[in-house]
Protein backbone atom coordinates (compact mmCIF):
# COMPACT_ATOMS: atom_id res chain seq x y z
CA MET A 1 10.72 86.33 75.51
CA GLU A 2 8.67 83.22 74.87
CA ASN A 3 9.95 80.17 76.78
CA ASN A 4 12.87 82.34 77.92
CA LYS A 5 14.69 81.45 74.72
CA ILE A 6 17.06 84.13 73.42
CA THR A 7 16.41 85.25 69.86
CA LEU A 8 18.41 87.30 67.40
CA SER A 9 15.83 90.08 67.77
CA ASP A 10 16.38 90.08 71.56
CA MET A 11 20.11 90.52 71.09
CA ALA A 12 19.69 93.30 68.55
CA MET A 13 17.32 95.15 70.90
CA GLY A 14 19.66 94.65 73.86
CA LEU A 15 22.61 95.99 71.88
CA ALA A 16 20.62 99.01 70.70
CA HIS A 17 19.58 99.80 74.29
CA GLY A 18 23.12 99.63 75.64
CA GLU A 19 22.56 96.46 77.66
CA PHE A 20 25.85 94.89 76.60
CA VAL A 21 28.80 95.77 78.84
CA TYR A 22 32.35 94.64 79.50
CA TYR A 23 33.34 92.75 82.63
CA TYR A 24 37.06 92.38 83.30
CA GLN A 25 38.93 89.36 84.64
CA PRO A 26 42.44 90.04 85.96
CA LYS A 27 45.53 88.32 84.59
CA ILE A 28 48.46 87.69 86.92
CA SER A 29 52.08 87.52 85.85
CA LEU A 30 53.77 84.38 87.15
CA ILE A 31 57.06 86.24 86.71
CA SER A 32 56.37 89.24 88.93
CA GLY A 33 53.43 87.80 90.87
CA LYS A 34 51.43 90.96 90.20
CA MET A 35 48.51 91.87 87.99
CA ASN A 36 49.70 92.62 84.48
CA GLY A 37 46.46 92.86 82.55
CA ALA A 38 42.80 91.96 82.24
CA GLU A 39 40.54 90.26 79.74
CA ALA A 40 37.44 92.17 78.63
CA LEU A 41 34.45 89.82 78.53
CA ILE A 42 31.11 90.68 76.93
CA ARG A 43 28.21 90.50 79.38
CA TRP A 44 24.51 91.17 78.80
CA VAL A 45 22.83 92.99 81.68
CA ARG A 46 19.13 93.57 81.05
CA ALA A 47 17.36 96.79 82.01
CA ASP A 48 15.94 95.06 85.09
CA GLY A 49 19.46 94.14 86.23
CA THR A 50 19.31 90.44 85.37
CA LEU A 51 22.45 88.96 83.82
CA VAL A 52 21.99 86.78 80.73
CA PRO A 53 24.57 83.95 80.96
CA PRO A 54 27.12 84.12 78.12
CA GLY A 55 26.33 80.53 77.17
CA GLU A 56 22.80 81.57 76.32
CA PHE A 57 23.60 84.24 73.76
CA ILE A 58 27.20 83.98 72.54
CA PRO A 59 26.73 80.70 70.58
CA LEU A 60 23.71 82.24 68.83
CA ALA A 61 25.66 85.43 68.11
CA GLU A 62 28.48 83.41 66.57
CA SER A 63 26.27 81.07 64.54
CA THR A 64 24.23 83.95 63.08
CA GLY A 65 27.18 86.28 62.46
CA PHE A 66 25.68 88.86 64.84
CA VAL A 67 28.89 88.63 66.83
CA THR A 68 30.47 91.07 64.36
CA GLU A 69 27.74 93.63 65.14
CA ILE A 70 28.44 93.26 68.85
CA SER A 71 32.21 93.58 68.37
CA ARG A 72 31.96 96.77 66.32
CA ALA A 73 29.34 98.38 68.55
CA MET A 74 31.28 97.56 71.73
CA PHE A 75 34.75 98.60 70.58
CA PRO A 76 34.28 102.32 71.45
CA ARG A 77 33.32 101.23 75.00
CA LEU A 78 36.50 99.15 75.14
CA VAL A 79 38.58 102.15 74.08
CA ALA A 80 37.00 104.34 76.75
CA ASP A 81 37.64 101.72 79.44
CA PHE A 82 41.17 101.14 78.13
CA LEU A 83 42.02 104.82 78.63
CA ILE A 84 40.83 104.73 82.23
CA ILE A 85 42.70 101.51 83.02
CA ASN A 86 45.94 102.72 81.46
CA ASP A 87 45.70 106.13 83.14
CA ILE A 88 45.82 104.24 86.45
CA ASN A 89 48.51 101.78 85.37
CA GLU A 90 49.98 102.21 81.91
CA ALA A 91 51.78 98.84 82.13
CA LEU A 92 48.55 96.83 82.09
CA THR A 93 47.49 94.98 78.94
CA VAL A 94 43.83 94.75 77.98
CA SER A 95 42.71 91.77 75.91
CA PHE A 96 39.36 91.20 74.27
CA ASN A 97 37.76 88.43 72.26
CA LEU A 98 37.09 88.57 68.55
CA SER A 99 36.13 85.94 66.02
CA ALA A 100 37.57 85.17 62.62
CA GLN A 101 34.24 86.50 61.33
CA ASP A 102 35.27 89.94 62.60
CA PHE A 103 38.07 89.93 60.04
CA ASN A 104 36.16 88.80 56.97
CA SER A 105 36.11 92.50 56.10
CA PRO A 106 38.53 95.30 57.07
CA GLU A 107 35.97 97.12 59.27
CA MET A 108 37.19 95.83 62.64
CA LEU A 109 40.80 96.26 61.60
CA ASN A 110 40.08 99.87 60.60
CA LEU A 111 38.43 100.60 63.95
CA ILE A 112 41.48 99.31 65.81
CA ARG A 113 43.87 101.16 63.50
CA ALA A 114 41.97 104.43 63.99
CA ALA A 115 42.18 104.06 67.80
CA ILE A 116 45.92 103.47 67.53
CA ASP A 117 46.51 106.32 65.07
CA SER A 118 44.61 108.74 67.34
CA HIS A 119 46.80 107.65 70.28
CA GLN A 120 43.82 106.40 72.26
CA ILE A 121 45.35 102.93 72.43
CA ASP A 122 48.95 101.77 72.73
CA PRO A 123 49.09 98.71 70.45
CA GLN A 124 51.69 97.14 72.74
CA ARG A 125 49.05 97.11 75.49
CA LEU A 126 46.23 95.67 73.37
CA GLN A 127 45.70 91.96 72.87
CA VAL A 128 43.15 90.21 70.66
CA GLU A 129 42.09 86.69 71.63
CA LEU A 130 40.84 84.39 68.89
CA THR A 131 39.57 80.86 69.42
CA GLU A 132 41.50 78.25 67.49
CA ALA A 133 38.20 76.77 66.28
CA SER A 134 37.16 79.97 64.52
CA ILE A 135 40.57 80.32 62.90
CA ILE A 136 40.75 76.73 61.72
CA ASN A 137 37.25 76.89 60.27
CA SER A 138 38.12 80.04 58.35
CA GLN A 139 39.65 79.58 54.93
CA ASP A 140 39.06 83.18 53.87
CA THR A 141 42.21 84.84 52.54
CA ALA A 142 40.92 88.20 53.77
CA VAL A 143 40.91 86.92 57.36
CA ARG A 144 44.55 85.91 57.14
CA GLU A 145 45.58 89.19 55.52
CA ASN A 146 43.67 91.33 58.03
CA LEU A 147 45.14 89.44 60.98
CA GLN A 148 48.63 89.77 59.54
CA GLU A 149 48.06 93.50 59.20
CA LEU A 150 46.73 93.70 62.76
CA ALA A 151 49.85 91.98 64.06
CA GLY A 152 51.89 94.40 61.97
CA LEU A 153 50.32 97.28 63.90
CA GLY A 154 51.89 95.88 67.07
CA VAL A 155 48.74 94.29 68.49
CA THR A 156 49.36 90.93 70.17
CA LEU A 157 47.32 87.98 68.93
CA ALA A 158 46.49 85.19 71.37
CA MET A 159 45.21 81.73 70.47
CA ASP A 160 42.35 81.17 72.91
CA ASP A 161 41.12 77.74 74.09
CA TYR A 162 44.33 75.99 73.07
CA GLY A 163 44.00 72.25 73.60
CA THR A 164 40.28 71.84 72.90
CA GLY A 165 40.81 69.19 70.27
CA TYR A 166 41.52 71.12 67.07
CA ALA A 167 44.71 71.21 65.00
CA SER A 168 46.37 73.71 67.34
CA ILE A 169 50.00 73.09 66.45
CA ASP A 170 49.32 73.48 62.74
CA SER A 171 47.48 76.74 63.46
CA LEU A 172 50.48 78.08 65.37
CA SER A 173 52.65 77.47 62.32
CA GLN A 174 50.29 79.30 59.96
CA TRP A 175 48.88 82.25 61.92
CA PRO A 176 50.66 85.19 63.61
CA PHE A 177 49.96 84.18 67.22
CA SER A 178 52.39 85.31 69.91
CA ILE A 179 50.38 84.14 72.93
CA LEU A 180 49.09 80.64 73.69
CA LYS A 181 46.11 80.54 76.05
CA ILE A 182 45.69 77.05 77.47
CA ASP A 183 42.04 76.01 77.75
CA GLN A 184 40.54 76.00 81.22
CA GLY A 185 39.14 72.49 80.79
CA LEU A 186 42.62 71.10 80.30
CA ILE A 187 43.93 73.14 83.24
CA GLN A 188 41.17 71.99 85.59
CA ARG A 189 41.58 68.32 84.65
CA MET A 190 45.25 68.35 85.64
CA SER A 191 44.44 67.60 89.29
CA GLY A 192 43.05 64.18 88.41
CA SER A 193 44.93 63.42 85.21
CA GLU A 194 48.67 62.95 84.85
CA LYS A 195 48.20 62.98 81.09
CA CYS A 196 46.60 66.43 81.19
CA ALA A 197 49.42 67.71 83.42
CA THR A 198 52.00 66.36 80.96
CA ILE A 199 50.18 67.96 78.01
CA VAL A 200 50.13 71.31 79.81
CA GLN A 201 53.84 71.06 80.66
CA ALA A 202 54.71 70.09 77.08
CA SER A 203 52.58 72.93 75.68
CA ILE A 204 54.34 75.47 77.91
CA ARG A 205 57.73 74.14 76.85
CA MET A 206 56.78 74.14 73.15
CA ALA A 207 55.53 77.72 73.36
CA HIS A 208 58.76 78.73 75.10
CA GLN A 209 60.81 77.15 72.31
CA LEU A 210 58.75 79.06 69.74
CA GLY A 211 59.17 82.34 71.62
CA ILE A 212 55.43 82.43 72.35
CA GLY A 213 53.99 83.56 75.68
CA THR A 214 51.64 81.34 77.70
CA VAL A 215 48.48 82.07 79.68
CA ALA A 216 46.67 79.44 81.73
CA GLU A 217 42.98 80.12 82.31
CA GLY A 218 40.47 78.58 84.68
CA ILE A 219 42.73 78.43 87.76
CA GLU A 220 40.62 77.75 90.82
CA THR A 221 43.02 76.12 93.31
CA SER A 222 46.38 77.11 94.76
CA SER A 223 47.81 73.67 93.88
CA ILE A 224 47.17 74.26 90.16
CA TYR A 225 48.57 77.78 90.44
CA ASP A 226 51.69 76.36 92.10
CA PHE A 227 52.03 73.68 89.39
CA LEU A 228 51.91 76.30 86.63
CA LEU A 229 54.38 78.54 88.44
CA HIS A 230 56.87 75.68 88.57
CA ALA A 231 56.12 74.61 84.99
CA GLY A 232 57.28 77.98 83.66
CA CYS A 233 53.90 79.37 82.57
CA ALA A 234 54.00 83.15 82.10
CA GLU A 235 50.49 84.28 83.10
CA ALA A 236 47.57 83.00 85.16
CA GLN A 237 43.86 83.77 85.06
CA GLY A 238 41.01 82.31 87.07
CA PHE A 239 38.57 82.61 89.94
CA LEU A 240 41.37 81.96 92.44
CA MET A 241 42.84 85.39 91.71
CA GLY A 242 39.75 87.24 90.53
CA LYS A 243 36.37 86.66 88.93
CA PRO A 244 35.09 88.80 86.02
CA MET A 245 34.13 92.18 87.48
CA THR A 246 32.77 95.55 86.49
CA LEU A 247 35.16 98.34 85.55
CA SER A 248 34.67 100.07 88.91
CA GLU A 249 35.46 96.81 90.73
CA LEU A 250 38.51 96.33 88.53
CA LEU A 251 39.83 99.79 89.42
CA ILE A 252 39.60 98.89 93.12
CA PHE A 253 41.36 95.60 92.35
CA ILE A 254 44.18 97.45 90.56
CA LYS A 255 44.62 99.90 93.42
CA LYS A 256 45.12 97.05 95.92
CA ASP A 257 48.37 96.23 94.07
CA GLN A 258 48.33 92.70 95.45
CA ARG A 259 51.18 90.24 94.92
CA TRP A 260 50.40 86.54 94.58
CA SER A 261 53.62 84.66 94.03
CA GLY A 262 57.28 84.96 94.76
CA LEU A 263 59.79 84.05 92.07
CA PRO A 264 59.30 82.50 88.60
CA ILE A 265 61.03 79.26 89.57
CA GLY A 266 59.73 77.35 86.57
CA LEU A 267 61.65 79.64 84.23
CA ILE A 268 64.93 78.57 85.87
CA HIS A 269 64.24 75.04 84.70
CA MET A 270 63.43 76.40 81.23
CA ALA A 271 66.77 78.21 81.27
CA GLN A 272 68.55 74.96 82.09
CA LEU A 273 66.88 73.17 79.18
CA ASP A 274 67.66 76.09 76.88
CA HIS A 275 71.31 75.97 77.83
CA ILE A 276 71.56 72.21 77.31
CA GLN A 277 70.04 72.60 73.86
CA TRP A 278 72.51 75.41 73.05
CA ARG A 279 75.45 73.21 74.04
CA LYS A 280 74.13 70.24 72.03
CA ASN A 281 73.66 72.39 68.94
CA LEU A 282 77.16 73.81 69.16
CA ILE A 283 78.82 70.45 69.72
CA ASP A 284 76.83 68.90 66.87
CA GLN A 285 77.94 71.64 64.47
CA ILE A 286 81.57 71.37 65.54
CA THR A 287 81.74 67.57 65.39
CA SER A 288 79.92 67.45 62.04
CA THR A 289 82.78 69.47 60.61
CA SER A 290 85.77 68.09 62.55
CA PHE A 291 84.68 64.47 62.87
CA GLY A 292 82.11 63.99 60.15
CA GLY A 293 84.37 63.71 57.14
CA THR A 294 83.84 67.31 55.97
CA ARG A 295 86.88 68.94 57.56
CA ASP A 296 87.67 70.75 54.33
CA VAL A 297 84.40 72.67 54.61
CA GLU A 298 84.43 75.89 56.60
CA ILE A 299 81.86 76.39 59.36
CA ARG A 300 79.40 78.80 57.84
CA ASP A 301 75.91 79.93 58.69
CA MET A 302 76.18 78.99 62.35
CA THR A 303 72.73 78.53 63.83
CA THR A 304 74.00 78.54 67.42
CA GLU A 305 73.90 82.00 69.03
CA MET A 306 77.43 82.88 70.19
CA ASP A 307 76.67 86.18 71.94
CA HIS A 308 76.08 85.48 75.63
CA HIS A 309 73.60 88.33 75.78
CA THR A 310 71.33 86.98 73.04
CA CYS A 311 71.37 83.18 73.41
CA ARG A 312 68.24 81.87 75.14
CA LEU A 313 69.96 81.68 78.52
CA GLY A 314 71.27 85.21 78.04
CA LEU A 315 67.83 86.52 77.09
CA TRP A 316 66.46 84.97 80.27
CA TYR A 317 69.33 86.26 82.42
CA TYR A 318 69.12 89.86 81.20
CA GLY A 319 65.32 89.74 80.99
CA VAL A 320 62.91 88.10 83.41
CA GLY A 321 65.81 86.42 85.21
CA GLN A 322 66.62 89.77 86.81
CA GLU A 323 63.85 88.93 89.30
CA PHE A 324 66.54 86.74 90.95
CA GLY A 325 69.04 89.58 91.36
CA GLY A 326 70.63 89.46 94.79
CA HIS A 327 70.69 85.67 94.97
CA ALA A 328 74.37 84.64 95.08
CA PRO A 329 74.14 81.88 92.42
CA PHE A 330 72.42 84.29 90.02
CA ASP A 331 75.01 87.01 90.59
CA ARG A 332 77.85 84.54 89.91
CA LEU A 333 76.15 83.12 86.84
CA GLU A 334 76.86 86.08 84.55
CA GLU A 335 80.66 85.59 84.59
CA ALA A 336 80.43 81.79 84.29
CA HIS A 337 78.11 82.15 81.31
CA ARG A 338 80.37 84.71 79.64
CA VAL A 339 83.38 82.41 80.06
CA LEU A 340 81.38 79.56 78.52
CA HIS A 341 80.69 81.61 75.40
CA ASP A 342 84.34 82.65 75.18
CA ILE A 343 85.27 78.97 75.15
CA GLY A 344 82.64 78.35 72.50
CA LYS A 345 84.05 81.09 70.29
CA GLU A 346 87.57 79.73 70.75
CA LEU A 347 86.31 76.28 69.85
CA LEU A 348 84.84 77.62 66.63
CA GLU A 349 88.10 79.33 65.73
CA ILE A 350 90.25 76.21 66.19
CA ALA A 351 87.70 74.10 64.31
CA ARG A 352 87.88 76.57 61.42
CA SER A 353 91.67 76.54 61.50
CA GLY A 354 91.86 72.80 60.82
CA VAL A 355 93.72 71.71 63.97
CA SER A 356 93.89 68.05 64.97
CA ARG A 357 90.83 66.25 66.24
CA GLU A 358 92.63 65.70 69.55
CA GLU A 359 92.88 69.46 70.07
CA VAL A 360 89.22 69.90 69.21
CA THR A 361 88.35 67.12 71.67
CA ALA A 362 90.34 68.81 74.43
CA MET A 363 88.48 72.06 73.82
CA LEU A 364 85.16 70.23 73.81
CA ARG A 365 86.02 68.93 77.29
CA ARG A 366 86.65 72.50 78.43
CA LEU A 367 83.30 73.53 77.01
CA THR A 368 81.35 70.74 78.73
CA LYS A 369 83.15 71.35 82.04
CA GLN A 370 82.19 75.03 81.96
CA SER A 371 78.68 74.08 80.91
CA SER A 372 78.43 71.88 84.01
CA ILE A 373 79.43 74.86 86.16
CA VAL A 374 76.66 76.96 84.59
CA LEU A 375 74.09 74.21 85.14
CA GLU A 376 75.20 73.74 88.75
CA MET A 377 74.68 77.45 89.39
CA LEU A 378 71.22 77.30 87.86
CA GLN A 379 70.36 74.28 90.01
CA GLU A 380 71.71 76.02 93.10
CA LEU A 381 69.61 79.07 92.23
CA GLU A 382 66.50 76.91 91.80
CA ASN A 383 67.07 75.22 95.18
CA GLU A 384 67.68 78.55 96.92
CA ALA A 385 64.59 80.11 95.32
CA LEU A 386 62.45 77.14 96.38
CA MET A 387 63.65 77.49 99.97
CA SER A 388 62.88 81.21 100.02
CA GLN A 389 59.55 80.96 98.18
CA PRO A 390 56.82 82.57 100.30
CA ALA A 391 53.33 81.19 100.59
CA ILE A 392 51.38 81.99 97.41
CA PHE A 393 48.06 82.71 99.09
């Protein structure tokens, strides 16, 4: 190559000669503290063994549209690697990067669908990462339709590089993303920037409210890992846990079955906030009817979840919260939470029946008193978990 500058012809020749490979970077669950997946990253290894840095060829591939050729040619390799990874641990998720350009036509979608239909890939264990920039710059209706169809197959879509300066929040409202991947630049600037730390915390909370998972990338220090653990982030990725590695190196990594963290303490705080919001919503709906001059209107179309299994706190308790099983405050919480919902249901009934405002007020006091008991248990659990938290590294 003249002046060592990569050309489109160089890439085409490298692809034809099988020089493009996948390296895999582990993802760690901040809920279990164990590896729960890996991201497949395109790497170019020349015949002489030299590695072409991604920054030297990926921008050119994207700007010329050659990225779609790479994606289609490499997908069979991904499927083959996926089968090996899942034969070792079927719970692991494999993610890989695509561009909006890959969905201008149905070809990539058809390749993925064929792999799913032939049972080579479990769609629940496949994740496609798309940069927010490529999505925002795409106005093609076909892209939107193909991505919607991909999500309909059960494949998870992740917004990559969230927080790099584009209209991320608007994109979340328009596209079928179920994972938010916080950009490594934002993560790495947290150490010296309180604003960045606040943005990361707010992004994690927003994603939680939307029912969207979160992944933080670019983690290089234990202090940042610890911050994200306590902020309630769901997954972590970075050099601290593992650099991108070959498939054979990844298989060794999987077999080590290493555990990084203890308990998902940050999610306890999320549960507290969820519960407070539940209580506020219920009280607002009750008082709007009983004290807002509309007492003749029945309470209909309640937006507050009254089943203690399926409210946000209940989903946490019977889901990832089970990691805290055996801790006394957690074990006592179930009954206290059930009683709270029973009071809430009773409150709804008396509000519907048209009793006096004084009786409604008395029941509201019962509700808030029981709510305080639930919050005290959650705080006690958080304190106990913090005391028992082992060293992360």
